[in-house]
Amino acid sequence: MNLNELAIKKLQEGEYQEAIELLNQAIEEKPEDETAYINFGNVLAQMNETEKAERFFQKAIILNEDAGLAYYSLANLYYNEERFSESARLYEKTLEKGVEDSDVYFMLGMSLKNEEKVKLSLPYLQRAAELSSEDAEAHFQFGLALAQLELGDEAMKQLQHAVKLNPQHADALYNLGVAYAGFKEDAIEALNCFEQAIAVQPDHYLALNGREIMRQALESKG
């Protein structure tokens, strides 16, 4: 196990100071290797040392402009600071550099979605869901984007799949209820989804509100 691998192990164990010492040693031994700078930046990011982390990621990119993981780490940093325009650009750069992981597609889609560029986010969220067929969150966010674009049937398929993967996903249950109410005008199924969401999360305000609206709708029909 080399110094970088040892440092990652220490980081995973929450031993930040030891990870930093190992990464300092790695940089001293191989100052032109971007890997230690990326790992050092990730340690600093976890310690909320955002500005310092940013400098380490930028240094890694200077050392190797093809280091896809450096762009990805910097993009994550910006995303967590809600700098979505910058994170989107860097996630795109990550893909250009050959890191075609489902998480990259997902985070690029989420960056665009948070900028209210839902239509642009759709192919990236779709690709993330395709690459991570067992990831409930990927299918949930893809379903939400489809719903926002009024693609009801496709949205419901994704939301149903998210619930199948994670029956405890209260937000997916709630939004599936909204889809039944809005796209299918099916108050009974909508109410059922809201009830399930509340069973998972009793203080889910939106589901509680949705349940009340569906109950009133059913009562008015007699």
C-alpha atoms as a PDB file:
ATOM      1  CA  MET A   1       0.000   0.000   0.000  1.00  0.00           C
ATOM      2  CA  ASN A   2       1.551   3.323  -1.084  1.00  0.00           C
ATOM      3  CA  LEU A   3       1.335   6.634   0.763  1.00  0.00           C
ATOM      4  CA  ASN A   4      -1.760   7.796  -1.133  1.00  0.00           C
ATOM      5  CA  GLU A   5      -3.589   4.543  -0.424  1.00  0.00           C
ATOM      6  CA  LEU A   6      -2.608   4.704   3.234  1.00  0.00           C
ATOM      7  CA  ALA A   7      -3.835   8.309   3.405  1.00  0.00           C
ATOM      8  CA  ILE A   8      -7.207   7.361   1.896  1.00  0.00           C
ATOM      9  CA  LYS A   9      -7.509   4.558   4.452  1.00  0.00           C
ATOM     10  CA  LYS A  10      -6.812   7.034   7.284  1.00  0.00           C
ATOM     11  CA  LEU A  11      -9.322   9.463   5.793  1.00  0.00           C
ATOM     12  CA  GLN A  12     -12.003   6.751   5.695  1.00  0.00           C
ATOM     13  CA  GLU A  13     -11.225   6.000   9.342  1.00  0.00           C
ATOM     14  CA  GLY A  14     -11.668   9.678  10.218  1.00  0.00           C
ATOM     15  CA  GLU A  15      -8.007  10.150  11.108  1.00  0.00           C
ATOM     16  CA  TYR A  16      -7.554  13.412   9.215  1.00  0.00           C
ATOM     17  CA  GLN A  17      -4.281  14.523  10.772  1.00  0.00           C
ATOM     18  CA  GLU A  18      -2.566  11.246   9.965  1.00  0.00           C
ATOM     19  CA  ALA A  19      -3.956  11.403   6.407  1.00  0.00           C
ATOM     20  CA  ILE A  20      -2.525  14.913   6.014  1.00  0.00           C
ATOM     21  CA  GLU A  21       0.893  13.820   7.259  1.00  0.00           C
ATOM     22  CA  LEU A  22       0.973  10.932   4.793  1.00  0.00           C
ATOM     23  CA  LEU A  23      -0.094  13.178   1.916  1.00  0.00           C
ATOM     24  CA  ASN A  24       2.539  15.775   2.816  1.00  0.00           C
ATOM     25  CA  GLN A  25       5.096  12.983   2.643  1.00  0.00           C
ATOM     26  CA  ALA A  26       3.715  11.813  -0.716  1.00  0.00           C
ATOM     27  CA  ILE A  27       3.991  15.349  -2.150  1.00  0.00           C
ATOM     28  CA  GLU A  28       7.558  15.695  -0.878  1.00  0.00           C
ATOM     29  CA  GLU A  29       8.539  12.402  -2.512  1.00  0.00           C
ATOM     30  CA  LYS A  30       6.699  13.013  -5.812  1.00  0.00           C
ATOM     31  CA  PRO A  31       5.965  16.746  -6.178  1.00  0.00           C
ATOM     32  CA  GLU A  32       4.895  16.344  -9.833  1.00  0.00           C
ATOM     33  CA  ASP A  33       2.275  13.637  -9.096  1.00  0.00           C
ATOM     34  CA  GLU A  34      -1.214  15.147  -9.010  1.00  0.00           C
ATOM     35  CA  THR A  35      -2.735  12.240  -7.041  1.00  0.00           C
ATOM     36  CA  ALA A  36      -1.591  13.428  -3.613  1.00  0.00           C
ATOM     37  CA  TYR A  37      -2.874  16.944  -4.339  1.00  0.00           C
ATOM     38  CA  ILE A  38      -6.319  15.565  -5.238  1.00  0.00           C
ATOM     39  CA  ASN A  39      -6.407  13.429  -2.093  1.00  0.00           C
ATOM     40  CA  PHE A  40      -5.163  16.337   0.029  1.00  0.00           C
ATOM     41  CA  GLY A  41      -7.916  18.513  -1.408  1.00  0.00           C
ATOM     42  CA  ASN A  42     -10.507  15.880  -0.532  1.00  0.00           C
ATOM     43  CA  VAL A  43      -9.250  15.776   3.059  1.00  0.00           C
ATOM     44  CA  LEU A  44      -9.457  19.557   3.294  1.00  0.00           C
ATOM     45  CA  ALA A  45     -12.934  19.556   1.747  1.00  0.00           C
ATOM     46  CA  GLN A  46     -14.143  17.114   4.398  1.00  0.00           C
ATOM     47  CA  MET A  47     -12.670  19.436   7.029  1.00  0.00           C
ATOM     48  CA  ASN A  48     -14.616  22.357   5.459  1.00  0.00           C
ATOM     49  CA  GLU A  49     -11.355  24.069   4.460  1.00  0.00           C
ATOM     50  CA  THR A  50     -12.924  25.033   1.148  1.00  0.00           C
ATOM     51  CA  GLU A  51     -10.471  27.661  -0.101  1.00  0.00           C
ATOM     52  CA  LYS A  52      -7.441  25.504   0.702  1.00  0.00           C
ATOM     53  CA  ALA A  53      -9.076  22.475  -0.936  1.00  0.00           C
ATOM     54  CA  GLU A  54      -9.763  24.519  -4.062  1.00  0.00           C
ATOM     55  CA  ARG A  55      -6.073  25.452  -4.343  1.00  0.00           C
ATOM     56  CA  PHE A  56      -5.000  21.810  -4.105  1.00  0.00           C
ATOM     57  CA  PHE A  57      -7.437  20.720  -6.821  1.00  0.00           C
ATOM     58  CA  GLN A  58      -6.272  23.576  -9.058  1.00  0.00           C
ATOM     59  CA  LYS A  59      -2.658  22.598  -8.460  1.00  0.00           C
ATOM     60  CA  ALA A  60      -3.486  19.016  -9.492  1.00  0.00           C
ATOM     61  CA  ILE A  61      -5.008  20.320 -12.744  1.00  0.00           C
ATOM     62  CA  ILE A  62      -1.907  22.437 -13.417  1.00  0.00           C
ATOM     63  CA  LEU A  63       0.278  19.340 -12.950  1.00  0.00           C
ATOM     64  CA  ASN A  64      -1.938  17.202 -15.176  1.00  0.00           C
ATOM     65  CA  GLU A  65      -4.644  18.874 -17.232  1.00  0.00           C
ATOM     66  CA  ASP A  66      -6.040  15.428 -18.081  1.00  0.00           C
ATOM     67  CA  ALA A  67      -6.609  14.463 -14.435  1.00  0.00           C
ATOM     68  CA  GLY A  68     -10.348  13.839 -14.597  1.00  0.00           C
ATOM     69  CA  LEU A  69     -10.659  13.198 -10.859  1.00  0.00           C
ATOM     70  CA  ALA A  70      -9.235  16.648 -10.107  1.00  0.00           C
ATOM     71  CA  TYR A  71     -12.017  18.289 -12.147  1.00  0.00           C
ATOM     72  CA  TYR A  72     -14.569  16.004 -10.465  1.00  0.00           C
ATOM     73  CA  SER A  73     -13.353  16.844  -6.961  1.00  0.00           C
ATOM     74  CA  LEU A  74     -13.351  20.564  -7.701  1.00  0.00           C
ATOM     75  CA  ALA A  75     -16.825  20.278  -9.228  1.00  0.00           C
ATOM     76  CA  ASN A  76     -18.090  18.590  -6.037  1.00  0.00           C
ATOM     77  CA  LEU A  77     -16.595  21.414  -3.999  1.00  0.00           C
ATOM     78  CA  TYR A  78     -18.422  24.027  -6.073  1.00  0.00           C
ATOM     79  CA  TYR A  79     -21.661  22.041  -6.053  1.00  0.00           C
ATOM     80  CA  ASN A  80     -21.642  21.900  -2.253  1.00  0.00           C
ATOM     81  CA  GLU A  81     -21.201  25.679  -2.251  1.00  0.00           C
ATOM     82  CA  GLU A  82     -24.193  25.980  -4.630  1.00  0.00           C
ATOM     83  CA  ARG A  83     -21.959  27.333  -7.400  1.00  0.00           C
ATOM     84  CA  PHE A  84     -23.925  25.285  -9.905  1.00  0.00           C
ATOM     85  CA  SER A  85     -22.811  26.990 -13.100  1.00  0.00           C
ATOM     86  CA  GLU A  86     -19.169  26.324 -12.253  1.00  0.00           C
ATOM     87  CA  SER A  87     -19.835  22.779 -11.072  1.00  0.00           C
ATOM     88  CA  ALA A  88     -21.710  21.971 -14.307  1.00  0.00           C
ATOM     89  CA  ARG A  89     -18.789  23.180 -16.401  1.00  0.00           C
ATOM     90  CA  LEU A  90     -16.343  21.069 -14.396  1.00  0.00           C
ATOM     91  CA  TYR A  91     -18.504  17.935 -14.475  1.00  0.00           C
ATOM     92  CA  GLU A  92     -18.596  18.335 -18.273  1.00  0.00           C
ATOM     93  CA  LYS A  93     -14.806  18.611 -18.207  1.00  0.00           C
ATOM     94  CA  THR A  94     -14.646  15.447 -16.084  1.00  0.00           C
ATOM     95  CA  LEU A  95     -16.592  13.557 -18.755  1.00  0.00           C
ATOM     96  CA  GLU A  96     -14.334  14.990 -21.475  1.00  0.00           C
ATOM     97  CA  LYS A  97     -11.333  13.605 -19.578  1.00  0.00           C
ATOM     98  CA  GLY A  98     -12.778  10.109 -19.659  1.00  0.00           C
ATOM     99  CA  VAL A  99     -14.344   9.719 -16.199  1.00  0.00           C
ATOM    100  CA  GLU A 100     -17.739   8.457 -17.368  1.00  0.00           C
ATOM    101  CA  ASP A 101     -19.074   7.292 -14.027  1.00  0.00           C
ATOM    102  CA  SER A 102     -22.807   7.381 -13.232  1.00  0.00           C
ATOM    103  CA  ASP A 103     -22.117   9.841 -10.394  1.00  0.00           C
ATOM    104  CA  VAL A 104     -20.591  12.336 -12.830  1.00  0.00           C
ATOM    105  CA  TYR A 105     -23.646  12.216 -15.098  1.00  0.00           C
ATOM    106  CA  PHE A 106     -25.914  12.496 -12.053  1.00  0.00           C
ATOM    107  CA  MET A 107     -24.094  15.485 -10.579  1.00  0.00           C
ATOM    108  CA  LEU A 108     -23.964  17.253 -13.955  1.00  0.00           C
ATOM    109  CA  GLY A 109     -27.701  16.707 -14.303  1.00  0.00           C
ATOM    110  CA  MET A 110     -28.306  18.001 -10.787  1.00  0.00           C
ATOM    111  CA  SER A 111     -26.141  21.078 -11.389  1.00  0.00           C
ATOM    112  CA  LEU A 112     -28.186  21.965 -14.473  1.00  0.00           C
ATOM    113  CA  LYS A 113     -31.453  21.167 -12.680  1.00  0.00           C
ATOM    114  CA  ASN A 114     -30.493  23.480  -9.816  1.00  0.00           C
ATOM    115  CA  GLU A 115     -29.910  26.197 -12.399  1.00  0.00           C
ATOM    116  CA  GLU A 116     -33.474  25.543 -13.614  1.00  0.00           C
ATOM    117  CA  LYS A 117     -32.154  24.125 -16.882  1.00  0.00           C
ATOM    118  CA  VAL A 118     -34.347  21.052 -16.550  1.00  0.00           C
ATOM    119  CA  LYS A 119     -34.493  20.183 -20.242  1.00  0.00           C
ATOM    120  CA  LEU A 120     -30.701  20.279 -20.473  1.00  0.00           C
ATOM    121  CA  SER A 121     -30.388  18.127 -17.343  1.00  0.00           C
ATOM    122  CA  LEU A 122     -32.576  15.339 -18.722  1.00  0.00           C
ATOM    123  CA  PRO A 123     -30.061  13.332 -20.832  1.00  0.00           C
ATOM    124  CA  TYR A 124     -27.511  13.346 -18.005  1.00  0.00           C
ATOM    125  CA  LEU A 125     -30.019  12.200 -15.388  1.00  0.00           C
ATOM    126  CA  GLN A 126     -31.259   9.569 -17.822  1.00  0.00           C
ATOM    127  CA  ARG A 127     -27.712   8.297 -18.381  1.00  0.00           C
ATOM    128  CA  ALA A 128     -27.094   8.204 -14.626  1.00  0.00           C
ATOM    129  CA  ALA A 129     -30.251   6.121 -14.139  1.00  0.00           C
ATOM    130  CA  GLU A 130     -29.218   3.778 -16.966  1.00  0.00           C
ATOM    131  CA  LEU A 131     -25.756   3.262 -15.470  1.00  0.00           C
ATOM    132  CA  SER A 132     -27.123   2.850 -11.918  1.00  0.00           C
ATOM    133  CA  SER A 133     -30.230   0.738 -12.331  1.00  0.00           C
ATOM    134  CA  GLU A 134     -30.281   0.035  -8.568  1.00  0.00           C
ATOM    135  CA  ASP A 135     -29.847   3.667  -7.467  1.00  0.00           C
ATOM    136  CA  ALA A 136     -33.206   4.926  -6.182  1.00  0.00           C
ATOM    137  CA  GLU A 137     -32.060   8.559  -6.040  1.00  0.00           C
ATOM    138  CA  ALA A 138     -30.954   8.559  -9.678  1.00  0.00           C
ATOM    139  CA  HIS A 139     -34.372   7.284 -10.793  1.00  0.00           C
ATOM    140  CA  PHE A 140     -36.146   9.672  -8.430  1.00  0.00           C
ATOM    141  CA  GLN A 141     -34.373  12.760  -9.770  1.00  0.00           C
ATOM    142  CA  PHE A 142     -34.822  11.611 -13.371  1.00  0.00           C
ATOM    143  CA  GLY A 143     -38.515  11.104 -12.639  1.00  0.00           C
ATOM    144  CA  LEU A 144     -38.813  14.580 -11.118  1.00  0.00           C
ATOM    145  CA  ALA A 145     -37.211  16.150 -14.179  1.00  0.00           C
ATOM    146  CA  LEU A 146     -39.581  14.267 -16.478  1.00  0.00           C
ATOM    147  CA  ALA A 147     -42.549  15.405 -14.371  1.00  0.00           C
ATOM    148  CA  GLN A 148     -41.397  19.022 -14.554  1.00  0.00           C
ATOM    149  CA  LEU A 149     -41.397  18.696 -18.339  1.00  0.00           C
ATOM    150  CA  GLU A 150     -44.954  17.258 -18.209  1.00  0.00           C
ATOM    151  CA  LEU A 151     -43.825  13.825 -19.444  1.00  0.00           C
ATOM    152  CA  GLY A 152     -46.247  12.066 -17.129  1.00  0.00           C
ATOM    153  CA  ASP A 153     -46.070   8.391 -18.084  1.00  0.00           C
ATOM    154  CA  GLU A 154     -42.275   8.345 -18.231  1.00  0.00           C
ATOM    155  CA  ALA A 155     -42.064  10.274 -14.946  1.00  0.00           C
ATOM    156  CA  MET A 156     -44.329   7.801 -13.185  1.00  0.00           C
ATOM    157  CA  LYS A 157     -42.274   4.825 -14.398  1.00  0.00           C
ATOM    158  CA  GLN A 158     -39.129   6.332 -12.894  1.00  0.00           C
ATOM    159  CA  LEU A 159     -40.825   7.292  -9.622  1.00  0.00           C
ATOM    160  CA  GLN A 160     -42.355   3.825  -9.316  1.00  0.00           C
ATOM    161  CA  HIS A 161     -38.936   2.284  -9.895  1.00  0.00           C
ATOM    162  CA  ALA A 162     -37.420   4.552  -7.227  1.00  0.00           C
ATOM    163  CA  VAL A 163     -40.078   3.403  -4.742  1.00  0.00           C
ATOM    164  CA  LYS A 164     -39.520  -0.236  -5.697  1.00  0.00           C
ATOM    165  CA  LEU A 165     -35.785   0.180  -5.021  1.00  0.00           C
ATOM    166  CA  ASN A 166     -36.383   2.099  -1.788  1.00  0.00           C
ATOM    167  CA  PRO A 167     -39.866   1.737  -0.255  1.00  0.00           C
ATOM    168  CA  GLN A 168     -38.765   4.183   2.478  1.00  0.00           C
ATOM    169  CA  HIS A 169     -38.198   7.041   0.008  1.00  0.00           C
ATOM    170  CA  ALA A 170     -40.845   9.459   1.282  1.00  0.00           C
ATOM    171  CA  ASP A 171     -40.201  12.111  -1.368  1.00  0.00           C
ATOM    172  CA  ALA A 172     -40.533   9.575  -4.183  1.00  0.00           C
ATOM    173  CA  LEU A 173     -43.819   8.343  -2.682  1.00  0.00           C
ATOM    174  CA  TYR A 174     -45.087  11.904  -2.336  1.00  0.00           C
ATOM    175  CA  ASN A 175     -44.181  12.848  -5.907  1.00  0.00           C
ATOM    176  CA  LEU A 176     -45.703   9.640  -7.223  1.00  0.00           C
ATOM    177  CA  GLY A 177     -48.889  10.709  -5.459  1.00  0.00           C
ATOM    178  CA  VAL A 178     -48.684  14.113  -7.132  1.00  0.00           C
ATOM    179  CA  ALA A 179     -48.239  12.366 -10.483  1.00  0.00           C
ATOM    180  CA  TYR A 180     -51.312  10.178  -9.929  1.00  0.00           C
ATOM    181  CA  ALA A 181     -53.331  13.245  -8.983  1.00  0.00           C
ATOM    182  CA  GLY A 182     -52.052  15.489 -11.761  1.00  0.00           C
ATOM    183  CA  PHE A 183     -51.405  13.210 -14.715  1.00  0.00           C
ATOM    184  CA  LYS A 184     -53.995  10.465 -14.071  1.00  0.00           C
ATOM    185  CA  GLU A 185     -56.583  12.326 -11.955  1.00  0.00           C
ATOM    186  CA  ASP A 186     -56.610   9.235  -9.742  1.00  0.00           C
ATOM    187  CA  ALA A 187     -57.366  10.517  -6.234  1.00  0.00           C
ATOM    188  CA  ILE A 188     -57.452   7.029  -4.683  1.00  0.00           C
ATOM    189  CA  GLU A 189     -53.957   6.069  -5.856  1.00  0.00           C
ATOM    190  CA  ALA A 190     -52.671   9.554  -5.003  1.00  0.00           C
ATOM    191  CA  LEU A 191     -54.098   9.257  -1.486  1.00  0.00           C
ATOM    192  CA  ASN A 192     -52.512   5.822  -1.114  1.00  0.00           C
ATOM    193  CA  CYS A 193     -49.088   7.242  -2.054  1.00  0.00           C
ATOM    194  CA  PHE A 194     -49.448  10.153   0.346  1.00  0.00           C
ATOM    195  CA  GLU A 195     -50.433   7.742   3.140  1.00  0.00           C
ATOM    196  CA  GLN A 196     -47.332   5.642   2.450  1.00  0.00           C
ATOM    197  CA  ALA A 197     -45.110   8.747   2.462  1.00  0.00           C
ATOM    198  CA  ILE A 198     -46.565   9.803   5.843  1.00  0.00           C
ATOM    199  CA  ALA A 199     -46.057   6.300   7.245  1.00  0.00           C
ATOM    200  CA  VAL A 200     -42.368   6.624   6.353  1.00  0.00           C
ATOM    201  CA  GLN A 201     -42.055  10.262   7.445  1.00  0.00           C
ATOM    202  CA  PRO A 202     -44.920  11.384   9.717  1.00  0.00           C
ATOM    203  CA  ASP A 203     -43.929  15.064   9.519  1.00  0.00           C
ATOM    204  CA  HIS A 204     -43.807  15.186   5.696  1.00  0.00           C
ATOM    205  CA  TYR A 205     -45.720  18.458   5.344  1.00  0.00           C
ATOM    206  CA  LEU A 206     -46.367  18.190   1.618  1.00  0.00           C
ATOM    207  CA  ALA A 207     -47.687  14.644   1.902  1.00  0.00           C
ATOM    208  CA  LEU A 208     -49.906  15.646   4.838  1.00  0.00           C
ATOM    209  CA  ASN A 209     -51.278  18.521   2.760  1.00  0.00           C
ATOM    210  CA  GLY A 210     -51.730  16.255  -0.264  1.00  0.00           C
ATOM    211  CA  ARG A 211     -53.607  13.687   1.839  1.00  0.00           C
ATOM    212  CA  GLU A 212     -56.017  16.354   3.058  1.00  0.00           C
ATOM    213  CA  ILE A 213     -56.666  17.626  -0.478  1.00  0.00           C
ATOM    214  CA  MET A 214     -57.296  14.083  -1.808  1.00  0.00           C
ATOM    215  CA  ARG A 215     -59.632  13.272   1.095  1.00  0.00           C
ATOM    216  CA  GLN A 216     -61.654  16.389   0.358  1.00  0.00           C
ATOM    217  CA  ALA A 217     -61.717  15.553  -3.347  1.00  0.00           C
ATOM    218  CA  LEU A 218     -63.024  12.040  -2.660  1.00  0.00           C
ATOM    219  CA  GLU A 219     -65.610  13.317  -0.169  1.00  0.00           C
ATOM    220  CA  SER A 220     -66.901  15.859  -2.671  1.00  0.00           C
ATOM    221  CA  LYS A 221     -67.459  13.043  -5.178  1.00  0.00           C
ATOM    222  CA  GLY A 222     -69.617  11.381  -2.563  1.00  0.00           C
END
